Amino acid sequence: MARRVKKKGSKVKAKPLALEINRSEYLGLLDNCKYLRHKIAFMLGWESGLRISEIVSLKKEDIIIGATRRQSFIRINCGKNSKDRIVTLPKSWQRHHINYIPLPCK
């Protein structure tokens, strides 16, 4: 079996951090979304912290809407690292938005 040989002078370069956008830029992006399903996907990613793969694989059964805001959440099955997690619904979430789940990937 061959051993790994470390090359001399090969250093791992640090990746630059992603650019942050502020609230007004976020609202501008939402206003420019042509379709409601795109707006919902963007809103889920920004306000709930969902990853793109989690947004695309989201199902209606994963969204639990309770009587109060504290009882409403999204169940993420097998997210990153095959771990399940629970996140809160965005503040701007409306009950009719669930009709657009699952979000088709085109």
PDB file of N, CA and C in Angstrom:
ATOM      1  N   MET A   1       0.841  -1.165   0.000  1.00  0.00           N
ATOM      2  CA  MET A   1       0.000   0.000   0.000  1.00  0.00           C
ATOM      3  C   MET A   1       0.897   1.242   0.000  1.00  0.00           C
ATOM      4  N   ALA A   2       0.567   2.184  -0.823  1.00  0.00           N
ATOM      5  CA  ALA A   2       1.388   3.391  -0.966  1.00  0.00           C
ATOM      6  C   ALA A   2       1.085   4.378   0.153  1.00  0.00           C
ATOM      7  N   ARG A   3       2.119   5.080   0.573  1.00  0.00           N
ATOM      8  CA  ARG A   3       1.959   6.115   1.593  1.00  0.00           C
ATOM      9  C   ARG A   3       1.714   7.459   0.926  1.00  0.00           C
ATOM     10  N   ARG A   4       1.011   8.306   1.629  1.00  0.00           N
ATOM     11  CA  ARG A   4       0.822   9.669   1.142  1.00  0.00           C
ATOM     12  C   ARG A   4       2.092  10.454   1.393  1.00  0.00           C
ATOM     13  N   VAL A   5       2.536  11.113   0.376  1.00  0.00           N
ATOM     14  CA  VAL A   5       3.732  11.932   0.504  1.00  0.00           C
ATOM     15  C   VAL A   5       3.303  13.385   0.503  1.00  0.00           C
ATOM     16  N   LYS A   6       3.689  14.096   1.529  1.00  0.00           N
ATOM     17  CA  LYS A   6       3.334  15.505   1.636  1.00  0.00           C
ATOM     18  C   LYS A   6       4.303  16.320   0.794  1.00  0.00           C
ATOM     19  N   LYS A   7       3.761  17.059  -0.155  1.00  0.00           N
ATOM     20  CA  LYS A   7       4.597  17.888  -1.017  1.00  0.00           C
ATOM     21  C   LYS A   7       5.100  19.092  -0.244  1.00  0.00           C
ATOM     22  N   LYS A   8       6.312  19.423  -0.500  1.00  0.00           N
ATOM     23  CA  LYS A   8       6.924  20.550   0.183  1.00  0.00           C
ATOM     24  C   LYS A   8       6.343  21.860  -0.359  1.00  0.00           C
ATOM     25  N   GLY A   9       5.944  22.726   0.545  1.00  0.00           N
ATOM     26  CA  GLY A   9       5.454  24.036   0.143  1.00  0.00           C
ATOM     27  C   GLY A   9       3.984  24.074  -0.234  1.00  0.00           C
ATOM     28  N   SER A  10       3.252  22.978  -0.076  1.00  0.00           N
ATOM     29  CA  SER A  10       1.827  23.008  -0.415  1.00  0.00           C
ATOM     30  C   SER A  10       1.032  23.376   0.831  1.00  0.00           C
ATOM     31  N   LYS A  11       0.540  24.587   0.839  1.00  0.00           N
ATOM     32  CA  LYS A  11      -0.252  25.066   1.967  1.00  0.00           C
ATOM     33  C   LYS A  11      -1.685  25.282   1.505  1.00  0.00           C
ATOM     34  N   VAL A  12      -2.587  25.019   2.394  1.00  0.00           N
ATOM     35  CA  VAL A  12      -3.996  25.215   2.091  1.00  0.00           C
ATOM     36  C   VAL A  12      -4.309  26.694   2.242  1.00  0.00           C
ATOM     37  N   LYS A  13      -4.885  27.257   1.193  1.00  0.00           N
ATOM     38  CA  LYS A  13      -5.240  28.676   1.225  1.00  0.00           C
ATOM     39  C   LYS A  13      -6.604  28.840   1.887  1.00  0.00           C
ATOM     40  N   ALA A  14      -6.738  29.894   2.647  1.00  0.00           N
ATOM     41  CA  ALA A  14      -8.002  30.175   3.320  1.00  0.00           C
ATOM     42  C   ALA A  14      -9.030  30.644   2.300  1.00  0.00           C
ATOM     43  N   LYS A  15     -10.244  30.122   2.434  1.00  0.00           N
ATOM     44  CA  LYS A  15     -11.321  30.540   1.546  1.00  0.00           C
ATOM     45  C   LYS A  15     -11.858  31.889   2.012  1.00  0.00           C
ATOM     46  N   PRO A  16     -12.175  32.775   1.078  1.00  0.00           N
ATOM     47  CA  PRO A  16     -12.749  34.060   1.495  1.00  0.00           C
ATOM     48  C   PRO A  16     -14.170  33.856   2.020  1.00  0.00           C
ATOM     49  N   LEU A  17     -14.554  34.663   2.983  1.00  0.00           N
ATOM     50  CA  LEU A  17     -15.894  34.574   3.538  1.00  0.00           C
ATOM     51  C   LEU A  17     -16.914  35.085   2.530  1.00  0.00           C
ATOM     52  N   ALA A  18     -18.109  34.516   2.603  1.00  0.00           N
ATOM     53  CA  ALA A  18     -19.180  34.954   1.717  1.00  0.00           C
ATOM     54  C   ALA A  18     -19.590  36.381   2.086  1.00  0.00           C
ATOM     55  N   LEU A  19     -20.012  37.134   1.091  1.00  0.00           N
ATOM     56  CA  LEU A  19     -20.456  38.505   1.342  1.00  0.00           C
ATOM     57  C   LEU A  19     -21.804  38.490   2.047  1.00  0.00           C
ATOM     58  N   GLU A  20     -21.958  39.365   2.991  1.00  0.00           N
ATOM     59  CA  GLU A  20     -23.225  39.485   3.695  1.00  0.00           C
ATOM     60  C   GLU A  20     -24.074  40.551   3.018  1.00  0.00           C
ATOM     61  N   ILE A  21     -25.389  40.337   3.050  1.00  0.00           N
ATOM     62  CA  ILE A  21     -26.290  41.364   2.554  1.00  0.00           C
ATOM     63  C   ILE A  21     -27.113  41.863   3.735  1.00  0.00           C
ATOM     64  N   ASN A  22     -27.482  43.128   3.698  1.00  0.00           N
ATOM     65  CA  ASN A  22     -28.259  43.687   4.803  1.00  0.00           C
ATOM     66  C   ASN A  22     -29.756  43.530   4.526  1.00  0.00           C
ATOM     67  N   ARG A  23     -30.565  43.955   5.472  1.00  0.00           N
ATOM     68  CA  ARG A  23     -32.015  43.760   5.397  1.00  0.00           C
ATOM     69  C   ARG A  23     -32.625  44.468   4.182  1.00  0.00           C
ATOM     70  N   SER A  24     -32.171  45.670   3.867  1.00  0.00           N
ATOM     71  CA  SER A  24     -32.748  46.402   2.734  1.00  0.00           C
ATOM     72  C   SER A  24     -32.397  45.718   1.409  1.00  0.00           C
ATOM     73  N   GLU A  25     -31.191  45.177   1.300  1.00  0.00           N
ATOM     74  CA  GLU A  25     -30.823  44.435   0.088  1.00  0.00           C
ATOM     75  C   GLU A  25     -31.650  43.160  -0.029  1.00  0.00           C
ATOM     76  N   TYR A  26     -31.902  42.505   1.106  1.00  0.00           N
ATOM     77  CA  TYR A  26     -32.729  41.296   1.125  1.00  0.00           C
ATOM     78  C   TYR A  26     -34.148  41.603   0.649  1.00  0.00           C
ATOM     79  N   LEU A  27     -34.723  42.686   1.164  1.00  0.00           N
ATOM     80  CA  LEU A  27     -36.075  43.062   0.750  1.00  0.00           C
ATOM     81  C   LEU A  27     -36.114  43.439  -0.727  1.00  0.00           C
ATOM     82  N   GLY A  28     -35.052  44.073  -1.227  1.00  0.00           N
ATOM     83  CA  GLY A  28     -34.971  44.388  -2.650  1.00  0.00           C
ATOM     84  C   GLY A  28     -34.919  43.135  -3.507  1.00  0.00           C
ATOM     85  N   LEU A  29     -34.177  42.129  -3.048  1.00  0.00           N
ATOM     86  CA  LEU A  29     -34.127  40.857  -3.773  1.00  0.00           C
ATOM     87  C   LEU A  29     -35.490  40.171  -3.772  1.00  0.00           C
ATOM     88  N   LEU A  30     -36.189  40.226  -2.641  1.00  0.00           N
ATOM     89  CA  LEU A  30     -37.523  39.625  -2.578  1.00  0.00           C
ATOM     90  C   LEU A  30     -38.491  40.324  -3.525  1.00  0.00           C
ATOM     91  N   ASP A  31     -38.406  41.651  -3.610  1.00  0.00           N
ATOM     92  CA  ASP A  31     -39.292  42.403  -4.503  1.00  0.00           C
ATOM     93  C   ASP A  31     -39.028  42.074  -5.968  1.00  0.00           C
ATOM     94  N   ASN A  32     -37.803  41.710  -6.291  1.00  0.00           N
ATOM     95  CA  ASN A  32     -37.449  41.412  -7.676  1.00  0.00           C
ATOM     96  C   ASN A  32     -37.684  39.961  -8.069  1.00  0.00           C
ATOM     97  N   CYS A  33     -38.133  39.126  -7.129  1.00  0.00           N
ATOM     98  CA  CYS A  33     -38.451  37.735  -7.474  1.00  0.00           C
ATOM     99  C   CYS A  33     -39.717  37.723  -8.326  1.00  0.00           C
ATOM    100  N   LYS A  34     -39.640  37.076  -9.472  1.00  0.00           N
ATOM    101  CA  LYS A  34     -40.757  37.075 -10.402  1.00  0.00           C
ATOM    102  C   LYS A  34     -41.874  36.139  -9.942  1.00  0.00           C
ATOM    103  N   TYR A  35     -41.509  34.979  -9.432  1.00  0.00           N
ATOM    104  CA  TYR A  35     -42.492  33.967  -9.050  1.00  0.00           C
ATOM    105  C   TYR A  35     -42.549  33.828  -7.531  1.00  0.00           C
ATOM    106  N   LEU A  36     -43.741  33.526  -7.028  1.00  0.00           N
ATOM    107  CA  LEU A  36     -43.920  33.385  -5.587  1.00  0.00           C
ATOM    108  C   LEU A  36     -43.115  32.213  -5.037  1.00  0.00           C
ATOM    109  N   ARG A  37     -42.982  31.130  -5.781  1.00  0.00           N
ATOM    110  CA  ARG A  37     -42.218  29.976  -5.278  1.00  0.00           C
ATOM    111  C   ARG A  37     -40.744  30.329  -5.105  1.00  0.00           C
ATOM    112  N   HIS A  38     -40.200  31.198  -5.982  1.00  0.00           N
ATOM    113  CA  HIS A  38     -38.813  31.643  -5.818  1.00  0.00           C
ATOM    114  C   HIS A  38     -38.685  32.511  -4.567  1.00  0.00           C
ATOM    115  N   LYS A  39     -39.696  33.346  -4.355  1.00  0.00           N
ATOM    116  CA  LYS A  39     -39.702  34.216  -3.182  1.00  0.00           C
ATOM    117  C   LYS A  39     -39.756  33.378  -1.899  1.00  0.00           C
ATOM    118  N   ILE A  40     -40.579  32.327  -1.912  1.00  0.00           N
ATOM    119  CA  ILE A  40     -40.698  31.451  -0.748  1.00  0.00           C
ATOM    120  C   ILE A  40     -39.390  30.711  -0.495  1.00  0.00           C
ATOM    121  N   ALA A  41     -38.759  30.216  -1.545  1.00  0.00           N
ATOM    122  CA  ALA A  41     -37.483  29.511  -1.393  1.00  0.00           C
ATOM    123  C   ALA A  41     -36.419  30.441  -0.826  1.00  0.00           C
ATOM    124  N   PHE A  42     -36.360  31.656  -1.334  1.00  0.00           N
ATOM    125  CA  PHE A  42     -35.379  32.627  -0.853  1.00  0.00           C
ATOM    126  C   PHE A  42     -35.654  32.997   0.601  1.00  0.00           C
ATOM    127  N   MET A  43     -36.940  33.152   0.925  1.00  0.00           N
ATOM    128  CA  MET A  43     -37.336  33.499   2.285  1.00  0.00           C
ATOM    129  C   MET A  43     -36.968  32.373   3.261  1.00  0.00           C
ATOM    130  N   LEU A  44     -37.192  31.121   2.866  1.00  0.00           N
ATOM    131  CA  LEU A  44     -36.842  29.994   3.732  1.00  0.00           C
ATOM    132  C   LEU A  44     -35.336  29.930   3.969  1.00  0.00           C
ATOM    133  N   GLY A  45     -34.570  30.187   2.934  1.00  0.00           N
ATOM    134  CA  GLY A  45     -33.122  30.159   3.079  1.00  0.00           C
ATOM    135  C   GLY A  45     -32.611  31.277   3.958  1.00  0.00           C
ATOM    136  N   TRP A  46     -33.130  32.468   3.780  1.00  0.00           N
ATOM    137  CA  TRP A  46     -32.635  33.637   4.519  1.00  0.00           C
ATOM    138  C   TRP A  46     -33.123  33.642   5.968  1.00  0.00           C
ATOM    139  N   GLU A  47     -34.431  33.489   6.156  1.00  0.00           N
ATOM    140  CA  GLU A  47     -35.000  33.683   7.488  1.00  0.00           C
ATOM    141  C   GLU A  47     -34.931  32.446   8.377  1.00  0.00           C
ATOM    142  N   SER A  48     -34.884  31.260   7.787  1.00  0.00           N
ATOM    143  CA  SER A  48     -34.809  30.043   8.604  1.00  0.00           C
ATOM    144  C   SER A  48     -33.430  29.409   8.584  1.00  0.00           C
ATOM    145  N   GLY A  49     -32.577  29.854   7.684  1.00  0.00           N
ATOM    146  CA  GLY A  49     -31.231  29.297   7.626  1.00  0.00           C
ATOM    147  C   GLY A  49     -31.161  27.942   6.960  1.00  0.00           C
ATOM    148  N   LEU A  50     -32.125  27.640   6.095  1.00  0.00           N
ATOM    149  CA  LEU A  50     -32.111  26.352   5.402  1.00  0.00           C
ATOM    150  C   LEU A  50     -31.081  26.361   4.279  1.00  0.00           C
ATOM    151  N   ARG A  51     -30.496  25.214   4.041  1.00  0.00           N
ATOM    152  CA  ARG A  51     -29.563  25.053   2.928  1.00  0.00           C
ATOM    153  C   ARG A  51     -30.360  24.806   1.652  1.00  0.00           C
ATOM    154  N   ILE A  52     -29.738  25.027   0.512  1.00  0.00           N
ATOM    155  CA  ILE A  52     -30.426  24.871  -0.775  1.00  0.00           C
ATOM    156  C   ILE A  52     -30.966  23.455  -0.932  1.00  0.00           C
ATOM    157  N   SER A  53     -30.158  22.454  -0.599  1.00  0.00           N
ATOM    158  CA  SER A  53     -30.606  21.066  -0.734  1.00  0.00           C
ATOM    159  C   SER A  53     -31.791  20.776   0.187  1.00  0.00           C
ATOM    160  N   GLU A  54     -31.840  21.410   1.352  1.00  0.00           N
ATOM    161  CA  GLU A  54     -32.958  21.217   2.275  1.00  0.00           C
ATOM    162  C   GLU A  54     -34.220  21.884   1.748  1.00  0.00           C
ATOM    163  N   ILE A  55     -34.080  23.032   1.108  1.00  0.00           N
ATOM    164  CA  ILE A  55     -35.240  23.729   0.542  1.00  0.00           C
ATOM    165  C   ILE A  55     -35.836  22.920  -0.600  1.00  0.00           C
ATOM    166  N   VAL A  56     -34.985  22.388  -1.460  1.00  0.00           N
ATOM    167  CA  VAL A  56     -35.454  21.637  -2.627  1.00  0.00           C
ATOM    168  C   VAL A  56     -36.130  20.332  -2.206  1.00  0.00           C
ATOM    169  N   SER A  57     -35.636  19.686  -1.147  1.00  0.00           N
ATOM    170  CA  SER A  57     -36.197  18.397  -0.729  1.00  0.00           C
ATOM    171  C   SER A  57     -37.316  18.537   0.305  1.00  0.00           C
ATOM    172  N   LEU A  58     -37.756  19.754   0.586  1.00  0.00           N
ATOM    173  CA  LEU A  58     -38.793  19.998   1.585  1.00  0.00           C
ATOM    174  C   LEU A  58     -40.145  19.469   1.103  1.00  0.00           C
ATOM    175  N   LYS A  59     -40.896  18.850   2.024  1.00  0.00           N
ATOM    176  CA  LYS A  59     -42.234  18.328   1.721  1.00  0.00           C
ATOM    177  C   LYS A  59     -43.248  18.999   2.645  1.00  0.00           C
ATOM    178  N   LYS A  60     -44.525  18.929   2.264  1.00  0.00           N
ATOM    179  CA  LYS A  60     -45.577  19.538   3.082  1.00  0.00           C
ATOM    180  C   LYS A  60     -45.623  18.928   4.477  1.00  0.00           C
ATOM    181  N   GLU A  61     -45.335  17.625   4.579  1.00  0.00           N
ATOM    182  CA  GLU A  61     -45.400  16.948   5.876  1.00  0.00           C
ATOM    183  C   GLU A  61     -44.319  17.448   6.835  1.00  0.00           C
ATOM    184  N   ASP A  62     -43.272  18.063   6.299  1.00  0.00           N
ATOM    185  CA  ASP A  62     -42.166  18.541   7.127  1.00  0.00           C
ATOM    186  C   ASP A  62     -42.478  19.869   7.811  1.00  0.00           C
ATOM    187  N   ILE A  63     -43.547  20.549   7.380  1.00  0.00           N
ATOM    188  CA  ILE A  63     -43.903  21.854   7.945  1.00  0.00           C
ATOM    189  C   ILE A  63     -45.050  21.663   8.926  1.00  0.00           C
ATOM    190  N   ILE A  64     -44.798  21.966  10.183  1.00  0.00           N
ATOM    191  CA  ILE A  64     -45.802  21.829  11.224  1.00  0.00           C
ATOM    192  C   ILE A  64     -46.238  23.235  11.634  1.00  0.00           C
ATOM    193  N   ILE A  65     -47.520  23.533  11.411  1.00  0.00           N
ATOM    194  CA  ILE A  65     -48.056  24.844  11.762  1.00  0.00           C
ATOM    195  C   ILE A  65     -48.939  24.668  12.985  1.00  0.00           C
ATOM    196  N   GLY A  66     -48.500  25.234  14.103  1.00  0.00           N
ATOM    197  CA  GLY A  66     -49.242  25.145  15.353  1.00  0.00           C
ATOM    198  C   GLY A  66     -50.151  26.338  15.548  1.00  0.00           C
ATOM    199  N   ALA A  67     -50.783  26.368  16.714  1.00  0.00           N
ATOM    200  CA  ALA A  67     -51.699  27.463  17.031  1.00  0.00           C
ATOM    201  C   ALA A  67     -50.950  28.775  17.237  1.00  0.00           C
ATOM    202  N   THR A  68     -49.738  28.695  17.768  1.00  0.00           N
ATOM    203  CA  THR A  68     -48.948  29.901  17.996  1.00  0.00           C
ATOM    204  C   THR A  68     -47.659  29.825  17.191  1.00  0.00           C
ATOM    205  N   ARG A  69     -46.958  30.935  17.131  1.00  0.00           N
ATOM    206  CA  ARG A  69     -45.697  31.002  16.391  1.00  0.00           C
ATOM    207  C   ARG A  69     -44.661  30.045  16.983  1.00  0.00           C
ATOM    208  N   ARG A  70     -44.662  29.880  18.300  1.00  0.00           N
ATOM    209  CA  ARG A  70     -43.689  28.993  18.946  1.00  0.00           C
ATOM    210  C   ARG A  70     -43.952  27.525  18.648  1.00  0.00           C
ATOM    211  N   GLN A  71     -45.171  27.196  18.259  1.00  0.00           N
ATOM    212  CA  GLN A  71     -45.511  25.811  17.958  1.00  0.00           C
ATOM    213  C   GLN A  71     -45.378  25.499  16.473  1.00  0.00           C
ATOM    214  N   SER A  72     -44.915  26.445  15.682  1.00  0.00           N
ATOM    215  CA  SER A  72     -44.755  26.252  14.240  1.00  0.00           C
ATOM    216  C   SER A  72     -43.281  26.076  13.915  1.00  0.00           C
ATOM    217  N   PHE A  73     -42.964  25.017  13.174  1.00  0.00           N
ATOM    218  CA  PHE A  73     -41.567  24.748  12.850  1.00  0.00           C
ATOM    219  C   PHE A  73     -41.454  23.907  11.588  1.00  0.00           C
ATOM    220  N   ILE A  74     -40.234  23.746  11.116  1.00  0.00           N
ATOM    221  CA  ILE A  74     -39.922  22.914   9.950  1.00  0.00           C
ATOM    222  C   ILE A  74     -39.004  21.800  10.418  1.00  0.00           C
ATOM    223  N   ARG A  75     -39.359  20.561  10.090  1.00  0.00           N
ATOM    224  CA  ARG A  75     -38.536  19.413  10.433  1.00  0.00           C
ATOM    225  C   ARG A  75     -37.677  19.063   9.222  1.00  0.00           C
ATOM    226  N   ILE A  76     -36.363  19.103   9.388  1.00  0.00           N
ATOM    227  CA  ILE A  76     -35.431  18.775   8.312  1.00  0.00           C
ATOM    228  C   ILE A  76     -34.949  17.353   8.537  1.00  0.00           C
ATOM    229  N   ASN A  77     -35.267  16.470   7.600  1.00  0.00           N
ATOM    230  CA  ASN A  77     -34.853  15.076   7.705  1.00  0.00           C
ATOM    231  C   ASN A  77     -33.562  14.856   6.949  1.00  0.00           C
ATOM    232  N   CYS A  78     -32.586  14.322   7.633  1.00  0.00           N
ATOM    233  CA  CYS A  78     -31.285  13.977   7.031  1.00  0.00           C
ATOM    234  C   CYS A  78     -30.687  15.162   6.293  1.00  0.00           C
ATOM    235  N   GLY A  79     -30.421  16.206   7.021  1.00  0.00           N
ATOM    236  CA  GLY A  79     -29.744  17.356   6.447  1.00  0.00           C
ATOM    237  C   GLY A  79     -28.269  17.045   6.273  1.00  0.00           C
ATOM    238  N   LYS A  80     -27.457  18.047   6.416  1.00  0.00           N
ATOM    239  CA  LYS A  80     -26.016  17.874   6.279  1.00  0.00           C
ATOM    240  C   LYS A  80     -25.512  16.915   7.355  1.00  0.00           C
ATOM    241  N   ASN A  81     -24.610  16.054   7.003  1.00  0.00           N
ATOM    242  CA  ASN A  81     -24.034  15.048   7.905  1.00  0.00           C
ATOM    243  C   ASN A  81     -25.061  14.031   8.381  1.00  0.00           C
ATOM    244  N   SER A  82     -26.142  13.840   7.636  1.00  0.00           N
ATOM    245  CA  SER A  82     -27.188  12.858   7.950  1.00  0.00           C
ATOM    246  C   SER A  82     -27.779  13.050   9.342  1.00  0.00           C
ATOM    247  N   LYS A  83     -27.958  14.285   9.745  1.00  0.00           N
ATOM    248  CA  LYS A  83     -28.553  14.582  11.041  1.00  0.00           C
ATOM    249  C   LYS A  83     -29.865  15.322  10.829  1.00  0.00           C
ATOM    250  N   ASP A  84     -30.877  14.932  11.602  1.00  0.00           N
ATOM    251  CA  ASP A  84     -32.156  15.618  11.556  1.00  0.00           C
ATOM    252  C   ASP A  84     -32.087  16.853  12.443  1.00  0.00           C
ATOM    253  N   ARG A  85     -32.858  17.887  12.061  1.00  0.00           N
ATOM    254  CA  ARG A  85     -32.902  19.096  12.877  1.00  0.00           C
ATOM    255  C   ARG A  85     -34.246  19.778  12.713  1.00  0.00           C
ATOM    256  N   ILE A  86     -34.528  20.689  13.613  1.00  0.00           N
ATOM    257  CA  ILE A  86     -35.784  21.434  13.597  1.00  0.00           C
ATOM    258  C   ILE A  86     -35.449  22.921  13.580  1.00  0.00           C
ATOM    259  N   VAL A  87     -36.105  23.663  12.667  1.00  0.00           N
ATOM    260  CA  VAL A  87     -35.914  25.109  12.587  1.00  0.00           C
ATOM    261  C   VAL A  87     -37.283  25.784  12.668  1.00  0.00           C
ATOM    262  N   THR A  88     -37.298  27.023  13.101  1.00  0.00           N
ATOM    263  CA  THR A  88     -38.560  27.748  13.221  1.00  0.00           C
ATOM    264  C   THR A  88     -39.002  28.270  11.859  1.00  0.00           C
ATOM    265  N   LEU A  89     -40.300  28.449  11.726  1.00  0.00           N
ATOM    266  CA  LEU A  89     -40.840  29.041  10.501  1.00  0.00           C
ATOM    267  C   LEU A  89     -40.477  30.518  10.457  1.00  0.00           C
ATOM    268  N   PRO A  90     -40.261  31.069   9.263  1.00  0.00           N
ATOM    269  CA  PRO A  90     -39.970  32.502   9.161  1.00  0.00           C
ATOM    270  C   PRO A  90     -41.136  33.343   9.678  1.00  0.00           C
ATOM    271  N   LYS A  91     -40.834  34.531  10.182  1.00  0.00           N
ATOM    272  CA  LYS A  91     -41.874  35.426  10.697  1.00  0.00           C
ATOM    273  C   LYS A  91     -42.847  35.841   9.604  1.00  0.00           C
ATOM    274  N   SER A  92     -42.345  35.948   8.379  1.00  0.00           N
ATOM    275  CA  SER A  92     -43.194  36.403   7.278  1.00  0.00           C
ATOM    276  C   SER A  92     -43.955  35.257   6.609  1.00  0.00           C
ATOM    277  N   TRP A  93     -43.900  34.058   7.176  1.00  0.00           N
ATOM    278  CA  TRP A  93     -44.569  32.892   6.592  1.00  0.00           C
ATOM    279  C   TRP A  93     -46.079  33.060   6.683  1.00  0.00           C
ATOM    280  N   GLN A  94     -46.772  32.763   5.587  1.00  0.00           N
ATOM    281  CA  GLN A  94     -48.227  32.805   5.543  1.00  0.00           C
ATOM    282  C   GLN A  94     -48.739  31.383   5.352  1.00  0.00           C
ATOM    283  N   ARG A  95     -49.935  31.116   5.834  1.00  0.00           N
ATOM    284  CA  ARG A  95     -50.480  29.755   5.737  1.00  0.00           C
ATOM    285  C   ARG A  95     -50.625  29.286   4.286  1.00  0.00           C
ATOM    286  N   HIS A  96     -50.921  30.192   3.360  1.00  0.00           N
ATOM    287  CA  HIS A  96     -51.112  29.782   1.966  1.00  0.00           C
ATOM    288  C   HIS A  96     -49.792  29.430   1.280  1.00  0.00           C
ATOM    289  N   HIS A  97     -48.652  29.762   1.881  1.00  0.00           N
ATOM    290  CA  HIS A  97     -47.361  29.414   1.283  1.00  0.00           C
ATOM    291  C   HIS A  97     -47.144  27.909   1.221  1.00  0.00           C
ATOM    292  N   ILE A  98     -47.818  27.166   2.101  1.00  0.00           N
ATOM    293  CA  ILE A  98     -47.621  25.716   2.114  1.00  0.00           C
ATOM    294  C   ILE A  98     -48.116  25.082   0.811  1.00  0.00           C
ATOM    295  N   ASN A  99     -48.991  25.771   0.081  1.00  0.00           N
ATOM    296  CA  ASN A  99     -49.472  25.252  -1.205  1.00  0.00           C
ATOM    297  C   ASN A  99     -48.369  25.198  -2.253  1.00  0.00           C
ATOM    298  N   TYR A 100     -47.284  25.914  -2.041  1.00  0.00           N
ATOM    299  CA  TYR A 100     -46.184  25.948  -3.001  1.00  0.00           C
ATOM    300  C   TYR A 100     -45.080  24.956  -2.657  1.00  0.00           C
ATOM    301  N   ILE A 101     -45.273  24.159  -1.615  1.00  0.00           N
ATOM    302  CA  ILE A 101     -44.307  23.140  -1.220  1.00  0.00           C
ATOM    303  C   ILE A 101     -44.818  21.819  -1.775  1.00  0.00           C
ATOM    304  N   PRO A 102     -44.061  20.961  -2.387  1.00  0.00           N
ATOM    305  CA  PRO A 102     -42.623  21.047  -2.622  1.00  0.00           C
ATOM    306  C   PRO A 102     -42.294  22.048  -3.727  1.00  0.00           C
ATOM    307  N   LEU A 103     -41.134  22.665  -3.597  1.00  0.00           N
ATOM    308  CA  LEU A 103     -40.675  23.637  -4.583  1.00  0.00           C
ATOM    309  C   LEU A 103     -40.016  22.885  -5.731  1.00  0.00           C
ATOM    310  N   PRO A 104     -40.587  22.959  -6.934  1.00  0.00           N
ATOM    311  CA  PRO A 104     -39.992  22.220  -8.053  1.00  0.00           C
ATOM    312  C   PRO A 104     -38.635  22.788  -8.437  1.00  0.00           C
ATOM    313  N   CYS A 105     -37.739  21.917  -8.748  1.00  0.00           N
ATOM    314  CA  CYS A 105     -36.383  22.320  -9.137  1.00  0.00           C
ATOM    315  C   CYS A 105     -36.317  22.314 -10.654  1.00  0.00           C
ATOM    316  N   LYS A 106     -36.232  23.496 -11.266  1.00  0.00           N
ATOM    317  CA  LYS A 106     -36.196  23.591 -12.733  1.00  0.00           C
ATOM    318  C   LYS A 106     -34.892  24.159 -13.186  1.00  0.00           C
TER     319      LYS A 106
END
